[in-house]
Amino acid sequence: MSALATLFALLGTLLIGAISPGPSFVFVVRTSVGQSRADGLAAALGMGVGAFIFAVLAVVGLRALMTEAAWLYWLLKIAGGLYLIYLAVMIWRHAAEPIAVDGAVAPRANLQRSFGLALATQLSNPKIVAVFGAVFAALLPAHPPLWMDLAVPPLIFVQESAWYALVALAFSATHPRAAYLRAKRWIDRAAGAVIGVLGVRLIVEAAPG
């Protein structure tokens, strides 16, 4: 696979992980519904900054593991694959459950507060930690070109910010919110299926050949 194709695969897989509802998704939804559209957009920016930080740590950390501790890198791939399979099963099982948005956020929060709370939510989200670690371990080449190392974190920032901004805009308007909630079951199941396949692939590739 070429470096460019690997980059698109990495970004696409992380986008699927972001689309599947988790703590970060629910926070942006609740902020947009319970406060304002502007607060939701500020929260989206906070999610993007958090994802950027994780991307930098993933690139630097995995590079060190590849060169200094091959056995630990192999163990990370196995553990990441198992977690992705578990996450896929949980997403599939809970696909039909509604998203609760009432009374989740204090009213009249300002934009700075919304950004800060979103960043804290993203940084403390165990789902994104596991997904980033597993996806980078599965798809990042052992010796990627320098441009890829430099491009991945800002591209992930743009992608995460754009996705959560779309969530904020959709859930601050009645009709788009209703349309998403009607399709939530199938969106979640599709995301769960893709994440599960990635987990199986991660374990198969890590197994001694």
N, C-alpha and C. Protein backbone atom coordinates (compact mmCIF):
# COMPACT_ATOMS: atom_id res chain seq x y z
N MET A 1 0.85 -1.19 0.00
CA MET A 1 0.00 0.00 0.00
C MET A 1 0.89 1.25 0.00
N SER A 2 0.59 2.21 -0.86
CA SER A 2 1.37 3.43 -0.94
C SER A 2 1.17 4.27 0.31
N ALA A 3 2.08 5.22 0.52
CA ALA A 3 1.99 6.09 1.70
C ALA A 3 0.70 6.91 1.67
N LEU A 4 0.32 7.39 0.48
CA LEU A 4 -0.90 8.19 0.38
C LEU A 4 -2.14 7.34 0.68
N ALA A 5 -2.18 6.11 0.16
CA ALA A 5 -3.31 5.23 0.44
C ALA A 5 -3.36 4.88 1.92
N THR A 6 -2.21 4.69 2.55
CA THR A 6 -2.16 4.42 3.98
C THR A 6 -2.70 5.60 4.77
N LEU A 7 -2.35 6.81 4.34
CA LEU A 7 -2.84 8.01 5.02
C LEU A 7 -4.36 8.09 4.96
N PHE A 8 -4.93 7.83 3.78
CA PHE A 8 -6.39 7.88 3.64
C PHE A 8 -7.06 6.78 4.46
N ALA A 9 -6.45 5.60 4.51
CA ALA A 9 -7.00 4.51 5.32
C ALA A 9 -6.97 4.86 6.79
N LEU A 10 -5.89 5.48 7.24
CA LEU A 10 -5.77 5.89 8.63
C LEU A 10 -6.82 6.92 9.00
N LEU A 11 -6.96 7.95 8.16
CA LEU A 11 -7.94 8.99 8.43
C LEU A 11 -9.36 8.45 8.37
N GLY A 12 -9.63 7.59 7.39
CA GLY A 12 -10.98 7.03 7.26
C GLY A 12 -11.36 6.18 8.45
N THR A 13 -10.43 5.37 8.93
CA THR A 13 -10.73 4.50 10.07
C THR A 13 -10.96 5.33 11.33
N LEU A 14 -10.15 6.36 11.54
CA LEU A 14 -10.34 7.22 12.71
C LEU A 14 -11.66 7.98 12.63
N LEU A 15 -12.06 8.36 11.42
CA LEU A 15 -13.35 9.04 11.26
C LEU A 15 -14.50 8.12 11.64
N ILE A 16 -14.41 6.86 11.24
CA ILE A 16 -15.44 5.89 11.62
C ILE A 16 -15.50 5.75 13.14
N GLY A 17 -14.32 5.72 13.77
CA GLY A 17 -14.30 5.65 15.22
C GLY A 17 -14.94 6.86 15.87
N ALA A 18 -14.73 8.05 15.30
CA ALA A 18 -15.33 9.27 15.84
C ALA A 18 -16.84 9.29 15.65
N ILE A 19 -17.31 8.75 14.51
CA ILE A 19 -18.74 8.75 14.22
C ILE A 19 -19.51 7.89 15.20
N SER A 20 -18.92 6.76 15.62
CA SER A 20 -19.61 5.89 16.58
C SER A 20 -19.70 6.61 17.91
N PRO A 21 -20.91 6.75 18.49
CA PRO A 21 -21.08 7.56 19.69
C PRO A 21 -20.26 7.06 20.87
N GLY A 22 -19.61 8.00 21.53
CA GLY A 22 -18.86 7.76 22.75
C GLY A 22 -18.94 9.01 23.60
N PRO A 23 -18.12 9.12 24.64
CA PRO A 23 -18.18 10.29 25.53
C PRO A 23 -18.00 11.62 24.80
N SER A 24 -17.08 11.68 23.85
CA SER A 24 -16.84 12.94 23.14
C SER A 24 -18.04 13.33 22.28
N PHE A 25 -18.59 12.36 21.56
CA PHE A 25 -19.76 12.60 20.72
C PHE A 25 -20.93 13.10 21.57
N VAL A 26 -21.18 12.42 22.68
CA VAL A 26 -22.31 12.78 23.54
C VAL A 26 -22.11 14.17 24.14
N PHE A 27 -20.87 14.51 24.49
CA PHE A 27 -20.62 15.84 25.05
C PHE A 27 -20.97 16.94 24.05
N VAL A 28 -20.55 16.78 22.80
CA VAL A 28 -20.84 17.79 21.79
C VAL A 28 -22.35 17.88 21.55
N VAL A 29 -23.01 16.73 21.52
CA VAL A 29 -24.46 16.72 21.33
C VAL A 29 -25.15 17.48 22.46
N ARG A 30 -24.79 17.16 23.68
CA ARG A 30 -25.44 17.79 24.84
C ARG A 30 -25.14 19.29 24.90
N THR A 31 -23.94 19.67 24.56
CA THR A 31 -23.58 21.09 24.57
C THR A 31 -24.38 21.84 23.52
N SER A 32 -24.51 21.27 22.34
CA SER A 32 -25.24 21.93 21.25
C SER A 32 -26.72 22.06 21.57
N VAL A 33 -27.29 21.00 22.17
CA VAL A 33 -28.72 21.01 22.48
C VAL A 33 -29.01 21.83 23.72
N GLY A 34 -28.19 21.66 24.78
CA GLY A 34 -28.48 22.28 26.06
C GLY A 34 -28.02 23.71 26.19
N GLN A 35 -27.07 24.15 25.35
CA GLN A 35 -26.57 25.51 25.46
C GLN A 35 -26.82 26.31 24.19
N SER A 36 -25.92 26.19 23.21
CA SER A 36 -26.10 26.94 21.98
C SER A 36 -25.26 26.33 20.87
N ARG A 37 -25.55 26.74 19.66
CA ARG A 37 -24.75 26.26 18.52
C ARG A 37 -23.30 26.71 18.64
N ALA A 38 -23.09 27.96 19.08
CA ALA A 38 -21.72 28.47 19.23
C ALA A 38 -20.94 27.66 20.26
N ASP A 39 -21.60 27.30 21.37
CA ASP A 39 -20.94 26.47 22.37
C ASP A 39 -20.59 25.10 21.79
N GLY A 40 -21.48 24.56 20.98
CA GLY A 40 -21.20 23.28 20.35
C GLY A 40 -20.01 23.35 19.42
N LEU A 41 -19.88 24.46 18.68
CA LEU A 41 -18.73 24.62 17.79
C LEU A 41 -17.44 24.80 18.58
N ALA A 42 -17.52 25.51 19.71
CA ALA A 42 -16.34 25.63 20.57
C ALA A 42 -15.93 24.27 21.11
N ALA A 43 -16.91 23.45 21.45
CA ALA A 43 -16.63 22.10 21.92
C ALA A 43 -15.99 21.27 20.80
N ALA A 44 -16.46 21.45 19.57
CA ALA A 44 -15.88 20.73 18.43
C ALA A 44 -14.41 21.07 18.26
N LEU A 45 -14.07 22.34 18.45
CA LEU A 45 -12.66 22.75 18.35
C LEU A 45 -11.84 22.10 19.46
N GLY A 46 -12.40 22.01 20.67
CA GLY A 46 -11.71 21.34 21.75
C GLY A 46 -11.45 19.87 21.45
N MET A 47 -12.42 19.21 20.82
CA MET A 47 -12.24 17.81 20.43
C MET A 47 -11.12 17.68 19.40
N GLY A 48 -11.04 18.62 18.47
CA GLY A 48 -9.99 18.59 17.47
C GLY A 48 -8.61 18.76 18.07
N VAL A 49 -8.48 19.67 19.04
CA VAL A 49 -7.19 19.87 19.70
C VAL A 49 -6.79 18.61 20.47
N GLY A 50 -7.74 18.00 21.16
CA GLY A 50 -7.45 16.76 21.88
C GLY A 50 -6.99 15.65 20.95
N ALA A 51 -7.65 15.51 19.81
CA ALA A 51 -7.26 14.49 18.84
C ALA A 51 -5.87 14.78 18.28
N PHE A 52 -5.55 16.05 18.07
CA PHE A 52 -4.21 16.43 17.59
C PHE A 52 -3.14 15.98 18.58
N ILE A 53 -3.39 16.20 19.87
CA ILE A 53 -2.43 15.80 20.90
C ILE A 53 -2.23 14.29 20.88
N PHE A 54 -3.32 13.53 20.78
CA PHE A 54 -3.22 12.07 20.73
C PHE A 54 -2.47 11.62 19.48
N ALA A 55 -2.69 12.30 18.37
CA ALA A 55 -2.02 11.92 17.13
C ALA A 55 -0.51 12.12 17.24
N VAL A 56 -0.09 13.24 17.83
CA VAL A 56 1.34 13.48 18.02
C VAL A 56 1.94 12.41 18.93
N LEU A 57 1.25 12.11 20.03
CA LEU A 57 1.76 11.09 20.95
C LEU A 57 1.82 9.72 20.29
N ALA A 58 0.81 9.43 19.46
CA ALA A 58 0.79 8.12 18.79
C ALA A 58 1.94 7.99 17.80
N VAL A 59 2.18 9.03 17.02
CA VAL A 59 3.27 8.98 16.03
C VAL A 59 4.61 8.84 16.73
N VAL A 60 4.85 9.65 17.75
CA VAL A 60 6.14 9.61 18.44
C VAL A 60 6.29 8.33 19.25
N GLY A 61 5.24 7.95 19.96
CA GLY A 61 5.32 6.76 20.81
C GLY A 61 5.49 5.48 20.03
N LEU A 62 4.73 5.32 18.96
CA LEU A 62 4.85 4.10 18.16
C LEU A 62 6.20 4.02 17.46
N ARG A 63 6.73 5.17 17.07
CA ARG A 63 8.05 5.15 16.45
C ARG A 63 9.10 4.62 17.43
N ALA A 64 8.98 5.04 18.69
CA ALA A 64 9.93 4.57 19.70
C ALA A 64 9.76 3.08 19.95
N LEU A 65 8.49 2.61 20.01
CA LEU A 65 8.26 1.18 20.25
C LEU A 65 8.78 0.34 19.09
N MET A 66 8.61 0.81 17.87
CA MET A 66 9.07 0.05 16.71
C MET A 66 10.58 -0.17 16.74
N THR A 67 11.30 0.82 17.27
CA THR A 67 12.75 0.74 17.22
C THR A 67 13.37 0.20 18.50
N GLU A 68 12.72 0.42 19.64
CA GLU A 68 13.33 0.08 20.92
C GLU A 68 12.72 -1.14 21.60
N ALA A 69 11.47 -1.43 21.35
CA ALA A 69 10.80 -2.53 22.07
C ALA A 69 9.82 -3.21 21.13
N ALA A 70 10.35 -4.03 20.23
CA ALA A 70 9.50 -4.70 19.24
C ALA A 70 8.46 -5.60 19.90
N TRP A 71 8.83 -6.26 20.99
CA TRP A 71 7.89 -7.18 21.65
C TRP A 71 6.72 -6.41 22.26
N LEU A 72 7.00 -5.19 22.79
CA LEU A 72 5.93 -4.39 23.38
C LEU A 72 5.01 -3.86 22.29
N TYR A 73 5.59 -3.53 21.13
CA TYR A 73 4.79 -3.09 19.99
C TYR A 73 3.88 -4.22 19.52
N TRP A 74 4.41 -5.46 19.49
CA TRP A 74 3.60 -6.62 19.12
C TRP A 74 2.47 -6.82 20.12
N LEU A 75 2.78 -6.67 21.42
CA LEU A 75 1.77 -6.83 22.45
C LEU A 75 0.68 -5.75 22.32
N LEU A 76 1.09 -4.54 21.98
CA LEU A 76 0.13 -3.46 21.79
C LEU A 76 -0.83 -3.78 20.65
N LYS A 77 -0.31 -4.36 19.57
CA LYS A 77 -1.17 -4.70 18.44
C LYS A 77 -2.20 -5.76 18.83
N ILE A 78 -1.77 -6.78 19.59
CA ILE A 78 -2.71 -7.81 20.04
C ILE A 78 -3.77 -7.21 20.95
N ALA A 79 -3.33 -6.44 21.96
CA ALA A 79 -4.27 -5.83 22.90
C ALA A 79 -5.21 -4.86 22.18
N GLY A 80 -4.66 -4.09 21.26
CA GLY A 80 -5.50 -3.15 20.51
C GLY A 80 -6.53 -3.86 19.66
N GLY A 81 -6.12 -4.96 19.03
CA GLY A 81 -7.07 -5.72 18.22
C GLY A 81 -8.21 -6.29 19.05
N LEU A 82 -7.88 -6.84 20.22
CA LEU A 82 -8.90 -7.38 21.10
C LEU A 82 -9.85 -6.29 21.58
N TYR A 83 -9.29 -5.11 21.90
CA TYR A 83 -10.15 -4.03 22.37
C TYR A 83 -11.07 -3.55 21.25
N LEU A 84 -10.55 -3.45 20.03
CA LEU A 84 -11.40 -3.01 18.92
C LEU A 84 -12.55 -3.98 18.68
N ILE A 85 -12.28 -5.28 18.81
CA ILE A 85 -13.35 -6.27 18.66
C ILE A 85 -14.39 -6.09 19.76
N TYR A 86 -13.91 -5.90 20.99
CA TYR A 86 -14.83 -5.66 22.11
C TYR A 86 -15.65 -4.39 21.86
N LEU A 87 -14.98 -3.32 21.42
CA LEU A 87 -15.68 -2.06 21.16
C LEU A 87 -16.72 -2.24 20.06
N ALA A 88 -16.38 -3.01 19.03
CA ALA A 88 -17.32 -3.25 17.93
C ALA A 88 -18.56 -3.97 18.44
N VAL A 89 -18.37 -4.98 19.29
CA VAL A 89 -19.51 -5.71 19.85
C VAL A 89 -20.38 -4.79 20.68
N MET A 90 -19.77 -3.92 21.50
CA MET A 90 -20.54 -3.00 22.35
C MET A 90 -21.32 -2.00 21.50
N ILE A 91 -20.68 -1.47 20.45
CA ILE A 91 -21.37 -0.52 19.57
C ILE A 91 -22.56 -1.19 18.91
N TRP A 92 -22.36 -2.42 18.44
CA TRP A 92 -23.44 -3.15 17.77
C TRP A 92 -24.60 -3.43 18.74
N ARG A 93 -24.26 -3.88 19.95
CA ARG A 93 -25.29 -4.24 20.93
C ARG A 93 -26.11 -3.04 21.36
N HIS A 94 -25.49 -1.87 21.43
CA HIS A 94 -26.18 -0.69 21.94
C HIS A 94 -26.62 0.25 20.82
N ALA A 95 -26.60 -0.23 19.60
CA ALA A 95 -26.93 0.62 18.46
C ALA A 95 -28.35 1.18 18.54
N ALA A 96 -29.27 0.40 19.11
CA ALA A 96 -30.68 0.83 19.14
C ALA A 96 -30.99 1.75 20.32
N GLU A 97 -30.03 1.94 21.21
CA GLU A 97 -30.30 2.78 22.39
C GLU A 97 -30.28 4.25 22.00
N PRO A 98 -31.24 5.03 22.52
CA PRO A 98 -31.27 6.46 22.19
C PRO A 98 -30.15 7.22 22.89
N ILE A 99 -29.85 8.41 22.39
CA ILE A 99 -28.88 9.30 23.03
C ILE A 99 -29.63 10.28 23.91
N ALA A 100 -29.34 10.25 25.20
CA ALA A 100 -29.98 11.17 26.13
C ALA A 100 -29.26 12.51 26.09
N VAL A 101 -30.02 13.60 25.95
CA VAL A 101 -29.40 14.92 25.85
C VAL A 101 -29.96 15.92 26.85
N ASP A 102 -30.92 15.56 27.65
CA ASP A 102 -31.59 16.53 28.51
C ASP A 102 -30.82 16.75 29.80
N GLY A 103 -30.64 18.01 30.12
CA GLY A 103 -30.09 18.36 31.41
C GLY A 103 -28.68 17.88 31.67
N ALA A 104 -27.89 17.74 30.63
CA ALA A 104 -26.56 17.17 30.83
C ALA A 104 -25.48 18.22 31.07
N VAL A 105 -25.73 19.48 30.66
CA VAL A 105 -24.71 20.50 30.76
C VAL A 105 -25.30 21.72 31.46
N ALA A 106 -24.48 22.40 32.25
CA ALA A 106 -24.94 23.61 32.93
C ALA A 106 -25.33 24.67 31.90
N PRO A 107 -26.43 25.39 32.13
CA PRO A 107 -26.87 26.38 31.16
C PRO A 107 -25.93 27.59 31.11
N ARG A 108 -25.95 28.29 29.97
CA ARG A 108 -25.27 29.56 29.77
C ARG A 108 -23.76 29.46 29.94
N ALA A 109 -23.18 28.33 29.63
CA ALA A 109 -21.72 28.21 29.66
C ALA A 109 -21.12 29.02 28.52
N ASN A 110 -19.98 29.67 28.77
CA ASN A 110 -19.37 30.47 27.71
C ASN A 110 -18.52 29.61 26.79
N LEU A 111 -18.02 30.23 25.72
CA LEU A 111 -17.29 29.46 24.71
C LEU A 111 -15.98 28.91 25.26
N GLN A 112 -15.30 29.68 26.09
CA GLN A 112 -14.04 29.20 26.66
C GLN A 112 -14.27 27.98 27.54
N ARG A 113 -15.34 28.01 28.31
CA ARG A 113 -15.67 26.88 29.17
C ARG A 113 -16.03 25.65 28.33
N SER A 114 -16.81 25.85 27.29
CA SER A 114 -17.20 24.74 26.43
C SER A 114 -15.98 24.11 25.77
N PHE A 115 -15.05 24.96 25.30
CA PHE A 115 -13.82 24.45 24.70
C PHE A 115 -13.01 23.65 25.72
N GLY A 116 -12.83 24.20 26.92
CA GLY A 116 -12.02 23.54 27.94
C GLY A 116 -12.61 22.21 28.39
N LEU A 117 -13.93 22.18 28.58
CA LEU A 117 -14.57 20.94 29.00
C LEU A 117 -14.49 19.88 27.89
N ALA A 118 -14.63 20.33 26.65
CA ALA A 118 -14.51 19.38 25.52
C ALA A 118 -13.11 18.81 25.44
N LEU A 119 -12.10 19.66 25.59
CA LEU A 119 -10.71 19.19 25.54
C LEU A 119 -10.46 18.18 26.67
N ALA A 120 -10.95 18.49 27.88
CA ALA A 120 -10.77 17.57 29.00
C ALA A 120 -11.49 16.25 28.75
N THR A 121 -12.69 16.33 28.16
CA THR A 121 -13.44 15.11 27.84
C THR A 121 -12.70 14.25 26.83
N GLN A 122 -12.15 14.88 25.81
CA GLN A 122 -11.42 14.15 24.78
C GLN A 122 -10.15 13.50 25.36
N LEU A 123 -9.42 14.25 26.16
CA LEU A 123 -8.16 13.73 26.70
C LEU A 123 -8.37 12.61 27.71
N SER A 124 -9.55 12.59 28.35
CA SER A 124 -9.83 11.55 29.35
C SER A 124 -10.69 10.43 28.81
N ASN A 125 -10.92 10.44 27.49
CA ASN A 125 -11.80 9.45 26.86
C ASN A 125 -11.04 8.15 26.59
N PRO A 126 -11.34 7.07 27.30
CA PRO A 126 -10.60 5.82 27.08
C PRO A 126 -10.81 5.24 25.69
N LYS A 127 -11.95 5.54 25.08
CA LYS A 127 -12.22 5.03 23.74
C LYS A 127 -11.22 5.57 22.73
N ILE A 128 -10.96 6.88 22.77
CA ILE A 128 -10.06 7.45 21.77
C ILE A 128 -8.63 7.00 21.99
N VAL A 129 -8.25 6.78 23.27
CA VAL A 129 -6.91 6.28 23.56
C VAL A 129 -6.71 4.92 22.90
N ALA A 130 -7.67 4.02 23.11
CA ALA A 130 -7.55 2.67 22.56
C ALA A 130 -7.64 2.66 21.04
N VAL A 131 -8.58 3.44 20.49
CA VAL A 131 -8.76 3.45 19.04
C VAL A 131 -7.53 4.03 18.35
N PHE A 132 -7.02 5.16 18.85
CA PHE A 132 -5.83 5.75 18.23
C PHE A 132 -4.65 4.79 18.31
N GLY A 133 -4.43 4.18 19.48
CA GLY A 133 -3.32 3.26 19.61
C GLY A 133 -3.43 2.08 18.66
N ALA A 134 -4.62 1.49 18.59
CA ALA A 134 -4.82 0.32 17.75
C ALA A 134 -4.73 0.66 16.27
N VAL A 135 -5.36 1.77 15.87
CA VAL A 135 -5.38 2.14 14.45
C VAL A 135 -3.97 2.51 13.98
N PHE A 136 -3.26 3.28 14.77
CA PHE A 136 -1.90 3.64 14.38
C PHE A 136 -1.00 2.41 14.33
N ALA A 137 -1.17 1.50 15.29
CA ALA A 137 -0.37 0.27 15.28
C ALA A 137 -0.68 -0.57 14.05
N ALA A 138 -1.94 -0.57 13.64
CA ALA A 138 -2.34 -1.40 12.50
C ALA A 138 -1.92 -0.81 11.16
N LEU A 139 -2.00 0.52 11.02
CA LEU A 139 -1.90 1.12 9.70
C LEU A 139 -0.64 1.95 9.49
N LEU A 140 -0.01 2.42 10.56
CA LEU A 140 1.17 3.25 10.36
C LEU A 140 2.34 2.39 9.91
N PRO A 141 2.98 2.70 8.79
CA PRO A 141 4.11 1.89 8.33
C PRO A 141 5.27 1.94 9.31
N ALA A 142 6.12 0.93 9.27
CA ALA A 142 7.28 0.90 10.16
C ALA A 142 8.23 2.05 9.85
N HIS A 143 8.32 2.44 8.58
CA HIS A 143 9.22 3.53 8.18
C HIS A 143 8.49 4.48 7.24
N PRO A 144 7.54 5.26 7.76
CA PRO A 144 6.80 6.18 6.90
C PRO A 144 7.67 7.35 6.47
N PRO A 145 7.35 7.98 5.36
CA PRO A 145 8.09 9.18 4.96
C PRO A 145 7.87 10.32 5.96
N LEU A 146 8.79 11.23 6.00
CA LEU A 146 8.71 12.34 6.96
C LEU A 146 7.44 13.16 6.77
N TRP A 147 7.03 13.34 5.49
CA TRP A 147 5.84 14.15 5.25
C TRP A 147 4.61 13.55 5.90
N MET A 148 4.57 12.22 6.01
CA MET A 148 3.41 11.59 6.65
C MET A 148 3.39 11.87 8.15
N ASP A 149 4.55 11.74 8.78
CA ASP A 149 4.62 12.06 10.21
C ASP A 149 4.18 13.49 10.49
N LEU A 150 4.57 14.40 9.60
CA LEU A 150 4.23 15.81 9.79
C LEU A 150 2.78 16.11 9.43
N ALA A 151 2.22 15.37 8.48
CA ALA A 151 0.88 15.67 7.99
C ALA A 151 -0.22 15.06 8.85
N VAL A 152 0.03 13.89 9.44
CA VAL A 152 -1.03 13.16 10.13
C VAL A 152 -1.67 13.96 11.27
N PRO A 153 -0.92 14.52 12.23
CA PRO A 153 -1.58 15.24 13.34
C PRO A 153 -2.45 16.41 12.90
N PRO A 154 -1.97 17.34 12.03
CA PRO A 154 -2.87 18.43 11.62
C PRO A 154 -4.08 17.96 10.82
N LEU A 155 -3.90 16.93 9.99
CA LEU A 155 -5.05 16.42 9.25
C LEU A 155 -6.09 15.80 10.18
N ILE A 156 -5.63 15.11 11.21
CA ILE A 156 -6.56 14.55 12.19
C ILE A 156 -7.26 15.68 12.95
N PHE A 157 -6.54 16.75 13.26
CA PHE A 157 -7.17 17.91 13.91
C PHE A 157 -8.30 18.46 13.05
N VAL A 158 -8.03 18.65 11.76
CA VAL A 158 -9.04 19.19 10.85
C VAL A 158 -10.23 18.23 10.75
N GLN A 159 -9.94 16.94 10.62
CA GLN A 159 -11.01 15.96 10.46
C GLN A 159 -11.89 15.89 11.69
N GLU A 160 -11.28 15.80 12.88
CA GLU A 160 -12.07 15.69 14.11
C GLU A 160 -12.87 16.97 14.35
N SER A 161 -12.23 18.13 14.16
CA SER A 161 -12.94 19.39 14.36
C SER A 161 -14.11 19.52 13.40
N ALA A 162 -13.88 19.14 12.13
CA ALA A 162 -14.95 19.25 11.13
C ALA A 162 -16.11 18.31 11.45
N TRP A 163 -15.80 17.07 11.87
CA TRP A 163 -16.86 16.12 12.18
C TRP A 163 -17.70 16.62 13.35
N TYR A 164 -17.03 17.02 14.43
CA TYR A 164 -17.80 17.45 15.60
C TYR A 164 -18.49 18.79 15.36
N ALA A 165 -17.95 19.64 14.47
CA ALA A 165 -18.67 20.85 14.10
C ALA A 165 -19.96 20.49 13.36
N LEU A 166 -19.88 19.47 12.50
CA LEU A 166 -21.08 19.00 11.80
C LEU A 166 -22.10 18.46 12.80
N VAL A 167 -21.62 17.73 13.81
CA VAL A 167 -22.51 17.24 14.87
C VAL A 167 -23.17 18.41 15.60
N ALA A 168 -22.38 19.43 15.93
CA ALA A 168 -22.93 20.59 16.63
C ALA A 168 -23.99 21.30 15.80
N LEU A 169 -23.71 21.46 14.51
CA LEU A 169 -24.68 22.13 13.64
C LEU A 169 -25.95 21.30 13.49
N ALA A 170 -25.76 19.98 13.36
CA ALA A 170 -26.92 19.11 13.15
C ALA A 170 -27.81 19.05 14.40
N PHE A 171 -27.20 18.91 15.56
CA PHE A 171 -27.99 18.73 16.77
C PHE A 171 -28.51 20.04 17.35
N SER A 172 -28.05 21.17 16.82
CA SER A 172 -28.64 22.44 17.25
C SER A 172 -29.81 22.82 16.35
N ALA A 173 -30.13 21.98 15.37
CA ALA A 173 -31.29 22.18 14.50
C ALA A 173 -32.21 20.96 14.60
N THR A 174 -33.49 21.17 14.60
CA THR A 174 -34.46 20.11 14.90
C THR A 174 -34.47 19.01 13.85
N HIS A 175 -34.58 19.34 12.59
CA HIS A 175 -34.76 18.33 11.55
C HIS A 175 -33.53 17.45 11.33
N PRO A 176 -32.32 18.04 11.23
CA PRO A 176 -31.14 17.16 11.10
C PRO A 176 -30.96 16.25 12.30
N ARG A 177 -31.25 16.74 13.50
CA ARG A 177 -31.13 15.91 14.69
C ARG A 177 -32.07 14.72 14.62
N ALA A 178 -33.31 14.96 14.21
CA ALA A 178 -34.28 13.88 14.11
C ALA A 178 -33.86 12.86 13.06
N ALA A 179 -33.30 13.34 11.94
CA ALA A 179 -32.87 12.42 10.88
C ALA A 179 -31.74 11.52 11.36
N TYR A 180 -30.79 12.10 12.09
CA TYR A 180 -29.69 11.28 12.60
C TYR A 180 -30.20 10.23 13.58
N LEU A 181 -31.05 10.64 14.48
CA LEU A 181 -31.54 9.71 15.50
C LEU A 181 -32.32 8.56 14.87
N ARG A 182 -33.02 8.82 13.76
CA ARG A 182 -33.73 7.75 13.08
C ARG A 182 -32.76 6.74 12.46
N ALA A 183 -31.62 7.23 11.98
CA ALA A 183 -30.65 6.35 11.31
C ALA A 183 -29.55 5.86 12.25
N LYS A 184 -29.62 6.20 13.52
CA LYS A 184 -28.53 5.90 14.46
C LYS A 184 -28.22 4.41 14.51
N ARG A 185 -29.26 3.56 14.53
CA ARG A 185 -29.02 2.13 14.65
C ARG A 185 -28.13 1.61 13.53
N TRP A 186 -28.40 2.02 12.29
CA TRP A 186 -27.65 1.52 11.16
C TRP A 186 -26.27 2.16 11.06
N ILE A 187 -26.16 3.43 11.45
CA ILE A 187 -24.85 4.09 11.46
C ILE A 187 -23.93 3.40 12.47
N ASP A 188 -24.47 3.13 13.66
CA ASP A 188 -23.66 2.48 14.70
C ASP A 188 -23.26 1.07 14.28
N ARG A 189 -24.17 0.34 13.68
CA ARG A 189 -23.84 -1.04 13.28
C ARG A 189 -22.79 -1.06 12.17
N ALA A 190 -22.88 -0.12 11.24
CA ALA A 190 -21.87 -0.06 10.20
C ALA A 190 -20.51 0.29 10.79
N ALA A 191 -20.49 1.25 11.72
CA ALA A 191 -19.23 1.61 12.38
C ALA A 191 -18.67 0.44 13.17
N GLY A 192 -19.54 -0.27 13.88
CA GLY A 192 -19.10 -1.43 14.66
C GLY A 192 -18.52 -2.52 13.78
N ALA A 193 -19.12 -2.75 12.63
CA ALA A 193 -18.63 -3.78 11.72
C ALA A 193 -17.23 -3.44 11.21
N VAL A 194 -17.02 -2.19 10.82
CA VAL A 194 -15.71 -1.78 10.31
C VAL A 194 -14.65 -1.87 11.40
N ILE A 195 -14.97 -1.41 12.59
CA ILE A 195 -14.02 -1.47 13.70
C ILE A 195 -13.69 -2.92 14.05
N GLY A 196 -14.69 -3.79 14.01
CA GLY A 196 -14.45 -5.20 14.30
C GLY A 196 -13.52 -5.84 13.28
N VAL A 197 -13.72 -5.54 12.01
CA VAL A 197 -12.85 -6.07 10.96
C VAL A 197 -11.41 -5.59 11.17
N LEU A 198 -11.26 -4.32 11.53
CA LEU A 198 -9.92 -3.79 11.79
C LEU A 198 -9.27 -4.52 12.96
N GLY A 199 -10.05 -4.81 14.01
CA GLY A 199 -9.50 -5.55 15.15
C GLY A 199 -9.02 -6.93 14.78
N VAL A 200 -9.81 -7.65 13.98
CA VAL A 200 -9.41 -8.99 13.53
C VAL A 200 -8.15 -8.89 12.68
N ARG A 201 -8.11 -7.92 11.79
CA ARG A 201 -6.92 -7.75 10.94
C ARG A 201 -5.68 -7.47 11.79
N LEU A 202 -5.83 -6.66 12.82
CA LEU A 202 -4.70 -6.32 13.68
C LEU A 202 -4.13 -7.57 14.34
N ILE A 203 -5.01 -8.45 14.83
CA ILE A 203 -4.55 -9.67 15.50
C ILE A 203 -3.91 -10.63 14.50
N VAL A 204 -4.53 -10.78 13.33
CA VAL A 204 -3.99 -11.69 12.30
C VAL A 204 -2.59 -11.23 11.86
N GLU A 205 -2.44 -9.93 11.67
CA GLU A 205 -1.14 -9.43 11.21
C GLU A 205 -0.07 -9.55 12.29
N ALA A 206 -0.49 -9.48 13.56
CA ALA A 206 0.48 -9.58 14.66
C ALA A 206 0.89 -11.02 14.93
N ALA A 207 0.06 -11.98 14.52
CA ALA A 207 0.35 -13.39 14.79
C ALA A 207 1.60 -13.81 14.03
N PRO A 208 2.47 -14.62 14.67
CA PRO A 208 3.67 -15.08 13.97
C PRO A 208 3.32 -15.90 12.75
N GLY A 209 3.97 -15.62 11.64
CA GLY A 209 3.62 -16.30 10.40
C GLY A 209 4.50 -17.48 10.09
